[in-house]
Amino acid sequence: MNRCKYCGKKIEPSQDFCGLPCEKQYNRQMTQDQRKIKFFTAGMLVGFLVMLGGVLSLRDALVAAGIILMGAVVAVFPFTTPETNALLGSRNARLVGRILGVLLIAVGIWVGYP
């Protein structure tokens, strides 16, 4: 049994979606994601550079700020792997991505806490 690409419900092997609403939502989401990928990449790069600067200067606050920034980017732009999308469906995979982004923010706060 395959799963719907959007909601993750079990469907027949010859189908990609459980219905037309899921297919429309999936296509809309993919179109929006194509425009947002540059912001995700820039945010992750800036977060990594801030974290790297903190590591090189031995400042825990900068390391924490970089981790928090990357967590915020993941929470706002929860892009997930195709394998995760196939397993959970795009909607549920995005939810998991947001949860992991919030956990990354929590780790950043924990690292920066004196």
Protein backbone atom coordinates (compact mmCIF):
# COMPACT_ATOMS: atom_id res chain seq x y z
CA MET A 1 0.00 0.00 0.00
CA ASN A 2 1.19 3.49 -0.89
CA ARG A 3 0.52 6.58 1.15
CA CYS A 4 -0.96 9.88 0.04
CA LYS A 5 1.85 12.35 -0.66
CA TYR A 6 0.05 15.07 1.28
CA CYS A 7 -1.88 13.61 4.22
CA GLY A 8 -0.20 10.20 4.58
CA LYS A 9 -3.35 8.06 4.37
CA LYS A 10 -3.00 4.59 2.89
CA ILE A 11 -4.06 4.47 -0.76
CA GLU A 12 -3.99 2.07 -3.71
CA PRO A 13 -0.59 1.46 -5.34
CA SER A 14 -1.66 3.11 -8.59
CA GLN A 15 -2.49 6.45 -6.90
CA ASP A 16 -0.37 9.29 -5.53
CA PHE A 17 -3.07 11.15 -3.59
CA CYS A 18 -6.21 10.14 -1.71
CA GLY A 19 -8.26 12.82 -3.44
CA LEU A 20 -8.25 16.04 -5.42
CA PRO A 21 -8.09 18.34 -2.34
CA CYS A 22 -4.87 16.67 -1.16
CA GLU A 23 -3.37 16.91 -4.63
CA LYS A 24 -4.20 20.64 -4.86
CA GLN A 25 -2.80 21.33 -1.38
CA TYR A 26 0.39 19.38 -2.17
CA ASN A 27 0.96 21.24 -5.46
CA ARG A 28 0.31 24.59 -3.76
CA GLN A 29 2.72 23.72 -0.98
CA MET A 30 5.45 22.65 -3.41
CA THR A 31 5.06 25.89 -5.39
CA GLN A 32 5.39 27.97 -2.23
CA ASP A 33 8.37 25.94 -1.04
CA GLN A 34 10.29 26.64 -4.25
CA ARG A 35 10.13 30.38 -3.51
CA LYS A 36 11.15 29.97 0.16
CA ILE A 37 14.18 27.69 -0.27
CA LYS A 38 16.56 30.64 -0.74
CA PHE A 39 15.50 32.12 2.63
CA PHE A 40 15.96 28.73 4.31
CA THR A 41 19.45 28.36 2.84
CA ALA A 42 20.47 31.91 3.78
CA GLY A 43 19.14 31.54 7.33
CA MET A 44 20.92 28.24 7.88
CA LEU A 45 24.16 29.66 6.47
CA VAL A 46 24.01 32.74 8.72
CA GLY A 47 23.16 30.58 11.75
CA PHE A 48 26.06 28.27 11.00
CA LEU A 49 28.48 31.17 10.57
CA VAL A 50 27.35 32.74 13.87
CA MET A 51 27.77 29.39 15.60
CA LEU A 52 31.19 28.87 14.00
CA GLY A 53 32.25 32.35 15.09
CA GLY A 54 31.20 31.48 18.63
CA VAL A 55 33.18 28.26 18.57
CA LEU A 56 36.30 29.99 17.24
CA SER A 57 36.05 32.85 19.74
CA LEU A 58 35.08 30.51 22.61
CA ARG A 59 31.88 32.43 23.34
CA ASP A 60 28.97 30.26 24.41
CA ALA A 61 26.48 33.06 23.76
CA LEU A 62 27.38 33.18 20.06
CA VAL A 63 27.20 29.39 19.75
CA ALA A 64 23.78 29.47 21.37
CA ALA A 65 22.63 32.34 19.13
CA GLY A 66 23.66 30.38 16.03
CA ILE A 67 21.82 27.27 17.20
CA ILE A 68 18.72 29.29 18.11
CA LEU A 69 18.80 31.02 14.70
CA MET A 70 19.02 27.68 12.89
CA GLY A 71 16.19 26.31 15.03
CA ALA A 72 14.03 29.31 14.19
CA VAL A 73 14.73 28.87 10.49
CA VAL A 74 13.76 25.19 10.67
CA ALA A 75 10.60 26.03 12.62
CA VAL A 76 9.55 28.68 10.09
CA PHE A 77 10.62 26.75 6.98
CA PRO A 78 10.16 23.06 7.90
CA PHE A 79 11.58 21.45 4.77
CA THR A 80 11.89 17.69 5.15
CA THR A 81 13.52 14.93 3.17
CA PRO A 82 11.64 13.05 0.44
CA GLU A 83 11.95 9.88 2.52
CA THR A 84 10.23 11.54 5.48
CA ASN A 85 7.51 12.87 3.19
CA ALA A 86 6.95 9.37 1.76
CA LEU A 87 6.74 7.86 5.24
CA LEU A 88 4.52 10.43 6.96
CA GLY A 89 2.98 12.49 4.18
CA SER A 90 3.98 16.08 3.50
CA ARG A 91 1.62 17.63 6.06
CA ASN A 92 2.76 15.41 8.94
CA ALA A 93 6.42 15.67 7.93
CA ARG A 94 6.19 19.46 8.13
CA LEU A 95 4.73 19.16 11.63
CA VAL A 96 7.63 16.94 12.68
CA GLY A 97 10.04 19.45 11.12
CA ARG A 98 8.51 22.29 13.12
CA ILE A 99 8.73 20.27 16.34
CA LEU A 100 12.40 19.54 15.66
CA GLY A 101 12.99 23.24 15.00
CA VAL A 102 11.49 24.12 18.38
CA LEU A 103 13.66 21.44 20.02
CA LEU A 104 16.71 22.97 18.33
CA ILE A 105 15.76 26.36 19.81
CA ALA A 106 15.52 24.69 23.23
CA VAL A 107 18.99 23.18 22.76
CA GLY A 108 20.34 26.63 21.86
CA ILE A 109 18.84 28.10 25.01
CA TRP A 110 20.31 25.25 27.05
CA VAL A 111 23.76 25.77 25.53
CA GLY A 112 23.68 29.51 26.16
CA TYR A 113 22.38 29.27 29.70
CA PRO A 114 25.27 30.06 32.08
